Amino acid sequence: MPEKTARSRQVGGDHYRKLAIQPWDAMQEWMSPERFAGFLQGNIIKYIARYQDKGGVQDLEKARHYLDRLIEAEKCAKPAI
């Protein structure tokens, strides 16, 4: 079975998936690659920092989701070595 991309799934609901344009797709179009990567990195840090006090495992899954999206963005932005 093919692996789903981070863009094709959502952790913790479907509120973003219901939108015609997902917010992170709009951000990627409007921001430089460096700024978009910083947005993704900030969310990874946020979810890891709060998981013990707020969202538990679901926050770790959200952090992984943003990490998966960052990996996808980096693979598209930079040629393989």
PDB file of N, CA and C in Angstrom:
ATOM      1  N   MET A   1       0.851  -1.184   0.000  1.00  0.00           N
ATOM      2  CA  MET A   1       0.000   0.000   0.000  1.00  0.00           C
ATOM      3  C   MET A   1       0.893   1.242   0.000  1.00  0.00           C
ATOM      4  N   PRO A   2       0.609   2.217  -0.868  1.00  0.00           N
ATOM      5  CA  PRO A   2       1.431   3.431  -0.898  1.00  0.00           C
ATOM      6  C   PRO A   2       1.268   4.241   0.375  1.00  0.00           C
ATOM      7  N   GLU A   3       2.370   4.840   0.810  1.00  0.00           N
ATOM      8  CA  GLU A   3       2.358   5.660   2.026  1.00  0.00           C
ATOM      9  C   GLU A   3       1.671   6.988   1.734  1.00  0.00           C
ATOM     10  N   LYS A   4       0.805   7.419   2.638  1.00  0.00           N
ATOM     11  CA  LYS A   4       0.148   8.713   2.481  1.00  0.00           C
ATOM     12  C   LYS A   4       1.131   9.830   2.782  1.00  0.00           C
ATOM     13  N   THR A   5       1.014  10.905   2.036  1.00  0.00           N
ATOM     14  CA  THR A   5       1.856  12.061   2.311  1.00  0.00           C
ATOM     15  C   THR A   5       1.282  12.834   3.486  1.00  0.00           C
ATOM     16  N   ALA A   6       2.095  13.655   4.096  1.00  0.00           N
ATOM     17  CA  ALA A   6       1.621  14.495   5.201  1.00  0.00           C
ATOM     18  C   ALA A   6       0.501  15.411   4.712  1.00  0.00           C
ATOM     19  N   ARG A   7       0.590  15.848   3.467  1.00  0.00           N
ATOM     20  CA  ARG A   7      -0.433  16.741   2.903  1.00  0.00           C
ATOM     21  C   ARG A   7      -1.782  16.041   2.747  1.00  0.00           C
ATOM     22  N   SER A   8      -1.794  14.718   2.664  1.00  0.00           N
ATOM     23  CA  SER A   8      -3.043  14.000   2.409  1.00  0.00           C
ATOM     24  C   SER A   8      -3.722  13.489   3.677  1.00  0.00           C
ATOM     25  N   ARG A   9      -3.156  13.800   4.833  1.00  0.00           N
ATOM     26  CA  ARG A   9      -3.754  13.336   6.089  1.00  0.00           C
ATOM     27  C   ARG A   9      -3.748  14.452   7.115  1.00  0.00           C
ATOM     28  N   GLN A  10      -4.489  14.234   8.185  1.00  0.00           N
ATOM     29  CA  GLN A  10      -4.521  15.204   9.276  1.00  0.00           C
ATOM     30  C   GLN A  10      -4.631  14.452  10.588  1.00  0.00           C
ATOM     31  N   VAL A  11      -3.916  14.903  11.598  1.00  0.00           N
ATOM     32  CA  VAL A  11      -3.966  14.318  12.937  1.00  0.00           C
ATOM     33  C   VAL A  11      -4.937  15.148  13.770  1.00  0.00           C
ATOM     34  N   GLY A  12      -5.884  14.486  14.432  1.00  0.00           N
ATOM     35  CA  GLY A  12      -6.777  15.178  15.367  1.00  0.00           C
ATOM     36  C   GLY A  12      -7.982  15.847  14.728  1.00  0.00           C
ATOM     37  N   GLY A  13      -8.541  15.255  13.735  1.00  0.00           N
ATOM     38  CA  GLY A  13      -9.745  15.807  13.131  1.00  0.00           C
ATOM     39  C   GLY A  13      -9.612  15.957  11.635  1.00  0.00           C
ATOM     40  N   ASP A  14     -10.588  16.654  11.038  1.00  0.00           N
ATOM     41  CA  ASP A  14     -10.537  16.862   9.593  1.00  0.00           C
ATOM     42  C   ASP A  14     -10.856  18.310   9.223  1.00  0.00           C
ATOM     43  N   HIS A  15     -10.759  19.210  10.192  1.00  0.00           N
ATOM     44  CA  HIS A  15     -11.133  20.601   9.965  1.00  0.00           C
ATOM     45  C   HIS A  15     -10.318  21.260   8.857  1.00  0.00           C
ATOM     46  N   TYR A  16      -9.035  20.944   8.723  1.00  0.00           N
ATOM     47  CA  TYR A  16      -8.240  21.524   7.647  1.00  0.00           C
ATOM     48  C   TYR A  16      -8.482  20.795   6.326  1.00  0.00           C
ATOM     49  N   ARG A  17      -8.694  19.502   6.393  1.00  0.00           N
ATOM     50  CA  ARG A  17      -8.910  18.707   5.180  1.00  0.00           C
ATOM     51  C   ARG A  17     -10.203  19.107   4.471  1.00  0.00           C
ATOM     52  N   LYS A  18     -11.140  19.702   5.188  1.00  0.00           N
ATOM     53  CA  LYS A  18     -12.409  20.123   4.592  1.00  0.00           C
ATOM     54  C   LYS A  18     -12.269  21.393   3.755  1.00  0.00           C
ATOM     55  N   LEU A  19     -11.182  22.122   3.942  1.00  0.00           N
ATOM     56  CA  LEU A  19     -10.981  23.387   3.235  1.00  0.00           C
ATOM     57  C   LEU A  19     -10.522  23.142   1.797  1.00  0.00           C
ATOM     58  N   ALA A  20     -10.906  24.029   0.902  1.00  0.00           N
ATOM     59  CA  ALA A  20     -10.477  23.915  -0.494  1.00  0.00           C
ATOM     60  C   ALA A  20      -8.965  24.022  -0.612  1.00  0.00           C
ATOM     61  N   ILE A  21      -8.360  24.904   0.179  1.00  0.00           N
ATOM     62  CA  ILE A  21      -6.901  25.058   0.223  1.00  0.00           C
ATOM     63  C   ILE A  21      -6.468  24.935   1.668  1.00  0.00           C
ATOM     64  N   GLN A  22      -5.594  23.980   1.940  1.00  0.00           N
ATOM     65  CA  GLN A  22      -5.109  23.812   3.301  1.00  0.00           C
ATOM     66  C   GLN A  22      -4.203  24.991   3.666  1.00  0.00           C
ATOM     67  N   PRO A  23      -4.292  25.457   4.913  1.00  0.00           N
ATOM     68  CA  PRO A  23      -3.472  26.604   5.316  1.00  0.00           C
ATOM     69  C   PRO A  23      -1.985  26.424   5.034  1.00  0.00           C
ATOM     70  N   TRP A  24      -1.424  25.240   5.267  1.00  0.00           N
ATOM     71  CA  TRP A  24       0.009  25.111   5.051  1.00  0.00           C
ATOM     72  C   TRP A  24       0.362  25.118   3.572  1.00  0.00           C
ATOM     73  N   ASP A  25      -0.580  24.767   2.691  1.00  0.00           N
ATOM     74  CA  ASP A  25      -0.322  24.901   1.258  1.00  0.00           C
ATOM     75  C   ASP A  25      -0.286  26.374   0.860  1.00  0.00           C
ATOM     76  N   ALA A  26      -1.210  27.167   1.409  1.00  0.00           N
ATOM     77  CA  ALA A  26      -1.203  28.603   1.141  1.00  0.00           C
ATOM     78  C   ALA A  26       0.081  29.229   1.673  1.00  0.00           C
ATOM     79  N   MET A  27       0.476  28.850   2.885  1.00  0.00           N
ATOM     80  CA  MET A  27       1.703  29.388   3.473  1.00  0.00           C
ATOM     81  C   MET A  27       2.920  29.043   2.625  1.00  0.00           C
ATOM     82  N   GLN A  28       2.966  27.825   2.121  1.00  0.00           N
ATOM     83  CA  GLN A  28       4.104  27.424   1.306  1.00  0.00           C
ATOM     84  C   GLN A  28       4.179  28.270   0.030  1.00  0.00           C
ATOM     85  N   GLU A  29       3.039  28.610  -0.533  1.00  0.00           N
ATOM     86  CA  GLU A  29       3.023  29.444  -1.739  1.00  0.00           C
ATOM     87  C   GLU A  29       3.421  30.891  -1.439  1.00  0.00           C
ATOM     88  N   TRP A  30       2.996  31.407  -0.304  1.00  0.00           N
ATOM     89  CA  TRP A  30       3.209  32.820   0.034  1.00  0.00           C
ATOM     90  C   TRP A  30       4.547  33.094   0.690  1.00  0.00           C
ATOM     91  N   MET A  31       5.159  32.069   1.298  1.00  0.00           N
ATOM     92  CA  MET A  31       6.404  32.265   2.044  1.00  0.00           C
ATOM     93  C   MET A  31       7.601  31.773   1.234  1.00  0.00           C
ATOM     94  N   SER A  32       8.760  32.272   1.605  1.00  0.00           N
ATOM     95  CA  SER A  32       9.988  31.714   1.035  1.00  0.00           C
ATOM     96  C   SER A  32      10.152  30.298   1.603  1.00  0.00           C
ATOM     97  N   PRO A  33      10.945  29.459   0.929  1.00  0.00           N
ATOM     98  CA  PRO A  33      11.179  28.115   1.472  1.00  0.00           C
ATOM     99  C   PRO A  33      11.737  28.144   2.899  1.00  0.00           C
ATOM    100  N   GLU A  34      12.579  29.124   3.193  1.00  0.00           N
ATOM    101  CA  GLU A  34      13.168  29.216   4.539  1.00  0.00           C
ATOM    102  C   GLU A  34      12.110  29.578   5.581  1.00  0.00           C
ATOM    103  N   ARG A  35      11.243  30.509   5.249  1.00  0.00           N
ATOM    104  CA  ARG A  35      10.184  30.900   6.188  1.00  0.00           C
ATOM    105  C   ARG A  35       9.193  29.762   6.393  1.00  0.00           C
ATOM    106  N   PHE A  36       8.853  29.049   5.327  1.00  0.00           N
ATOM    107  CA  PHE A  36       7.925  27.923   5.460  1.00  0.00           C
ATOM    108  C   PHE A  36       8.543  26.828   6.325  1.00  0.00           C
ATOM    109  N   ALA A  37       9.825  26.541   6.109  1.00  0.00           N
ATOM    110  CA  ALA A  37      10.508  25.549   6.947  1.00  0.00           C
ATOM    111  C   ALA A  37      10.506  25.994   8.401  1.00  0.00           C
ATOM    112  N   GLY A  38      10.694  27.286   8.651  1.00  0.00           N
ATOM    113  CA  GLY A  38      10.658  27.803  10.020  1.00  0.00           C
ATOM    114  C   GLY A  38       9.289  27.635  10.658  1.00  0.00           C
ATOM    115  N   PHE A  39       8.228  27.858   9.882  1.00  0.00           N
ATOM    116  CA  PHE A  39       6.869  27.626  10.377  1.00  0.00           C
ATOM    117  C   PHE A  39       6.701  26.173  10.794  1.00  0.00           C
ATOM    118  N   LEU A  40       7.130  25.253   9.945  1.00  0.00           N
ATOM    119  CA  LEU A  40       7.003  23.827  10.266  1.00  0.00           C
ATOM    120  C   LEU A  40       7.843  23.476  11.491  1.00  0.00           C
ATOM    121  N   GLN A  41       9.066  23.979  11.561  1.00  0.00           N
ATOM    122  CA  GLN A  41       9.946  23.713  12.704  1.00  0.00           C
ATOM    123  C   GLN A  41       9.332  24.230  14.002  1.00  0.00           C
ATOM    124  N   GLY A  42       8.747  25.422  13.944  1.00  0.00           N
ATOM    125  CA  GLY A  42       8.109  25.985  15.132  1.00  0.00           C
ATOM    126  C   GLY A  42       6.977  25.119  15.646  1.00  0.00           C
ATOM    127  N   ASN A  43       6.184  24.560  14.737  1.00  0.00           N
ATOM    128  CA  ASN A  43       5.091  23.689  15.160  1.00  0.00           C
ATOM    129  C   ASN A  43       5.603  22.371  15.716  1.00  0.00           C
ATOM    130  N   ILE A  44       6.668  21.850  15.140  1.00  0.00           N
ATOM    131  CA  ILE A  44       7.280  20.628  15.687  1.00  0.00           C
ATOM    132  C   ILE A  44       7.702  20.871  17.132  1.00  0.00           C
ATOM    133  N   ILE A  45       8.398  21.976  17.365  1.00  0.00           N
ATOM    134  CA  ILE A  45       8.865  22.316  18.714  1.00  0.00           C
ATOM    135  C   ILE A  45       7.676  22.501  19.655  1.00  0.00           C
ATOM    136  N   LYS A  46       6.653  23.224  19.197  1.00  0.00           N
ATOM    137  CA  LYS A  46       5.470  23.482  20.033  1.00  0.00           C
ATOM    138  C   LYS A  46       4.839  22.174  20.509  1.00  0.00           C
ATOM    139  N   TYR A  47       4.609  21.259  19.602  1.00  0.00           N
ATOM    140  CA  TYR A  47       3.926  20.021  19.983  1.00  0.00           C
ATOM    141  C   TYR A  47       4.787  19.129  20.868  1.00  0.00           C
ATOM    142  N   ILE A  48       6.089  19.104  20.637  1.00  0.00           N
ATOM    143  CA  ILE A  48       6.968  18.319  21.505  1.00  0.00           C
ATOM    144  C   ILE A  48       7.034  18.941  22.893  1.00  0.00           C
ATOM    145  N   ALA A  49       7.102  20.267  22.955  1.00  0.00           N
ATOM    146  CA  ALA A  49       7.230  20.955  24.244  1.00  0.00           C
ATOM    147  C   ALA A  49       6.000  20.771  25.123  1.00  0.00           C
ATOM    148  N   ARG A  50       4.824  20.673  24.536  1.00  0.00           N
ATOM    149  CA  ARG A  50       3.613  20.649  25.349  1.00  0.00           C
ATOM    150  C   ARG A  50       2.995  19.270  25.556  1.00  0.00           C
ATOM    151  N   TYR A  51       3.516  18.235  24.892  1.00  0.00           N
ATOM    152  CA  TYR A  51       2.808  16.954  24.885  1.00  0.00           C
ATOM    153  C   TYR A  51       2.554  16.377  26.274  1.00  0.00           C
ATOM    154  N   GLN A  52       3.457  16.556  27.210  1.00  0.00           N
ATOM    155  CA  GLN A  52       3.272  15.976  28.542  1.00  0.00           C
ATOM    156  C   GLN A  52       2.197  16.697  29.337  1.00  0.00           C
ATOM    157  N   ASP A  53       1.974  17.970  29.059  1.00  0.00           N
ATOM    158  CA  ASP A  53       1.014  18.755  29.824  1.00  0.00           C
ATOM    159  C   ASP A  53      -0.313  18.971  29.128  1.00  0.00           C
ATOM    160  N   LYS A  54      -0.386  18.680  27.841  1.00  0.00           N
ATOM    161  CA  LYS A  54      -1.616  18.994  27.132  1.00  0.00           C
ATOM    162  C   LYS A  54      -2.147  17.825  26.321  1.00  0.00           C
ATOM    163  N   GLY A  55      -1.523  17.528  25.186  1.00  0.00           N
ATOM    164  CA  GLY A  55      -2.129  16.611  24.225  1.00  0.00           C
ATOM    165  C   GLY A  55      -1.649  15.185  24.255  1.00  0.00           C
ATOM    166  N   GLY A  56      -0.639  14.886  25.063  1.00  0.00           N
ATOM    167  CA  GLY A  56      -0.137  13.519  25.151  1.00  0.00           C
ATOM    168  C   GLY A  56       0.353  12.988  23.812  1.00  0.00           C
ATOM    169  N   VAL A  57       0.061  11.733  23.569  1.00  0.00           N
ATOM    170  CA  VAL A  57       0.523  11.059  22.355  1.00  0.00           C
ATOM    171  C   VAL A  57       0.028  11.773  21.098  1.00  0.00           C
ATOM    172  N   GLN A  58      -1.174  12.313  21.139  1.00  0.00           N
ATOM    173  CA  GLN A  58      -1.680  13.003  19.952  1.00  0.00           C
ATOM    174  C   GLN A  58      -0.792  14.195  19.585  1.00  0.00           C
ATOM    175  N   ASP A  59      -0.249  14.904  20.569  1.00  0.00           N
ATOM    176  CA  ASP A  59       0.675  15.993  20.259  1.00  0.00           C
ATOM    177  C   ASP A  59       1.965  15.464  19.645  1.00  0.00           C
ATOM    178  N   LEU A  60       2.430  14.300  20.074  1.00  0.00           N
ATOM    179  CA  LEU A  60       3.612  13.701  19.450  1.00  0.00           C
ATOM    180  C   LEU A  60       3.306  13.322  18.006  1.00  0.00           C
ATOM    181  N   GLU A  61       2.095  12.834  17.762  1.00  0.00           N
ATOM    182  CA  GLU A  61       1.685  12.506  16.387  1.00  0.00           C
ATOM    183  C   GLU A  61       1.606  13.767  15.536  1.00  0.00           C
ATOM    184  N   LYS A  62       1.136  14.867  16.119  1.00  0.00           N
ATOM    185  CA  LYS A  62       1.090  16.133  15.389  1.00  0.00           C
ATOM    186  C   LYS A  62       2.500  16.613  15.074  1.00  0.00           C
ATOM    187  N   ALA A  63       3.420  16.482  16.028  1.00  0.00           N
ATOM    188  CA  ALA A  63       4.815  16.867  15.790  1.00  0.00           C
ATOM    189  C   ALA A  63       5.389  16.038  14.646  1.00  0.00           C
ATOM    190  N   ARG A  64       5.114  14.747  14.649  1.00  0.00           N
ATOM    191  CA  ARG A  64       5.595  13.869  13.576  1.00  0.00           C
ATOM    192  C   ARG A  64       4.977  14.272  12.235  1.00  0.00           C
ATOM    193  N   HIS A  65       3.695  14.664  12.268  1.00  0.00           N
ATOM    194  CA  HIS A  65       3.012  15.093  11.050  1.00  0.00           C
ATOM    195  C   HIS A  65       3.714  16.312  10.450  1.00  0.00           C
ATOM    196  N   TYR A  66       4.030  17.298  11.282  1.00  0.00           N
ATOM    197  CA  TYR A  66       4.753  18.474  10.799  1.00  0.00           C
ATOM    198  C   TYR A  66       6.165  18.102  10.348  1.00  0.00           C
ATOM    199  N   LEU A  67       6.806  17.166  11.030  1.00  0.00           N
ATOM    200  CA  LEU A  67       8.129  16.717  10.612  1.00  0.00           C
ATOM    201  C   LEU A  67       8.046  16.033   9.248  1.00  0.00           C
ATOM    202  N   ASP A  68       7.029  15.195   9.051  1.00  0.00           N
ATOM    203  CA  ASP A  68       6.837  14.555   7.749  1.00  0.00           C
ATOM    204  C   ASP A  68       6.650  15.603   6.658  1.00  0.00           C
ATOM    205  N   ARG A  69       5.894  16.656   6.958  1.00  0.00           N
ATOM    206  CA  ARG A  69       5.659  17.713   5.967  1.00  0.00           C
ATOM    207  C   ARG A  69       6.945  18.477   5.674  1.00  0.00           C
ATOM    208  N   LEU A  70       7.763  18.703   6.713  1.00  0.00           N
ATOM    209  CA  LEU A  70       9.049  19.369   6.518  1.00  0.00           C
ATOM    210  C   LEU A  70       9.968  18.516   5.644  1.00  0.00           C
ATOM    211  N   ILE A  71       9.987  17.220   5.884  1.00  0.00           N
ATOM    212  CA  ILE A  71      10.803  16.310   5.066  1.00  0.00           C
ATOM    213  C   ILE A  71      10.343  16.366   3.616  1.00  0.00           C
ATOM    214  N   GLU A  72       9.035  16.332   3.393  1.00  0.00           N
ATOM    215  CA  GLU A  72       8.508  16.421   2.031  1.00  0.00           C
ATOM    216  C   GLU A  72       8.924  17.733   1.365  1.00  0.00           C
ATOM    217  N   ALA A  73       8.814  18.832   2.082  1.00  0.00           N
ATOM    218  CA  ALA A  73       9.183  20.136   1.530  1.00  0.00           C
ATOM    219  C   ALA A  73      10.667  20.183   1.193  1.00  0.00           C
ATOM    220  N   GLU A  74      11.498  19.644   2.070  1.00  0.00           N
ATOM    221  CA  GLU A  74      12.944  19.653   1.846  1.00  0.00           C
ATOM    222  C   GLU A  74      13.324  18.778   0.655  1.00  0.00           C
ATOM    223  N   LYS A  75      12.664  17.653   0.500  1.00  0.00           N
ATOM    224  CA  LYS A  75      12.955  16.776  -0.631  1.00  0.00           C
ATOM    225  C   LYS A  75      12.607  17.457  -1.948  1.00  0.00           C
ATOM    226  N   CYS A  76      11.557  18.243  -1.957  1.00  0.00           N
ATOM    227  CA  CYS A  76      11.142  18.954  -3.174  1.00  0.00           C
ATOM    228  C   CYS A  76      12.025  20.158  -3.447  1.00  0.00           C
ATOM    229  N   ALA A  77      12.560  20.761  -2.399  1.00  0.00           N
ATOM    230  CA  ALA A  77      13.307  22.011  -2.538  1.00  0.00           C
ATOM    231  C   ALA A  77      14.767  21.803  -2.907  1.00  0.00           C
ATOM    232  N   LYS A  78      15.331  20.681  -2.502  1.00  0.00           N
ATOM    233  CA  LYS A  78      16.762  20.476  -2.688  1.00  0.00           C
ATOM    234  C   LYS A  78      17.018  19.199  -3.498  1.00  0.00           C
ATOM    235  N   PRO A  79      17.940  19.259  -4.434  1.00  0.00           N
ATOM    236  CA  PRO A  79      18.266  18.040  -5.179  1.00  0.00           C
ATOM    237  C   PRO A  79      18.966  17.025  -4.268  1.00  0.00           C
ATOM    238  N   ALA A  80      18.718  15.750  -4.530  1.00  0.00           N
ATOM    239  CA  ALA A  80      19.365  14.691  -3.746  1.00  0.00           C
ATOM    240  C   ALA A  80      20.856  14.690  -4.018  1.00  0.00           C
ATOM    241  N   ILE A  81      21.614  14.383  -2.986  1.00  0.00           N
ATOM    242  CA  ILE A  81      23.089  14.348  -3.106  1.00  0.00           C
ATOM    243  C   ILE A  81      23.516  12.975  -3.571  1.00  0.00           C
TER     244      ILE A  81
END
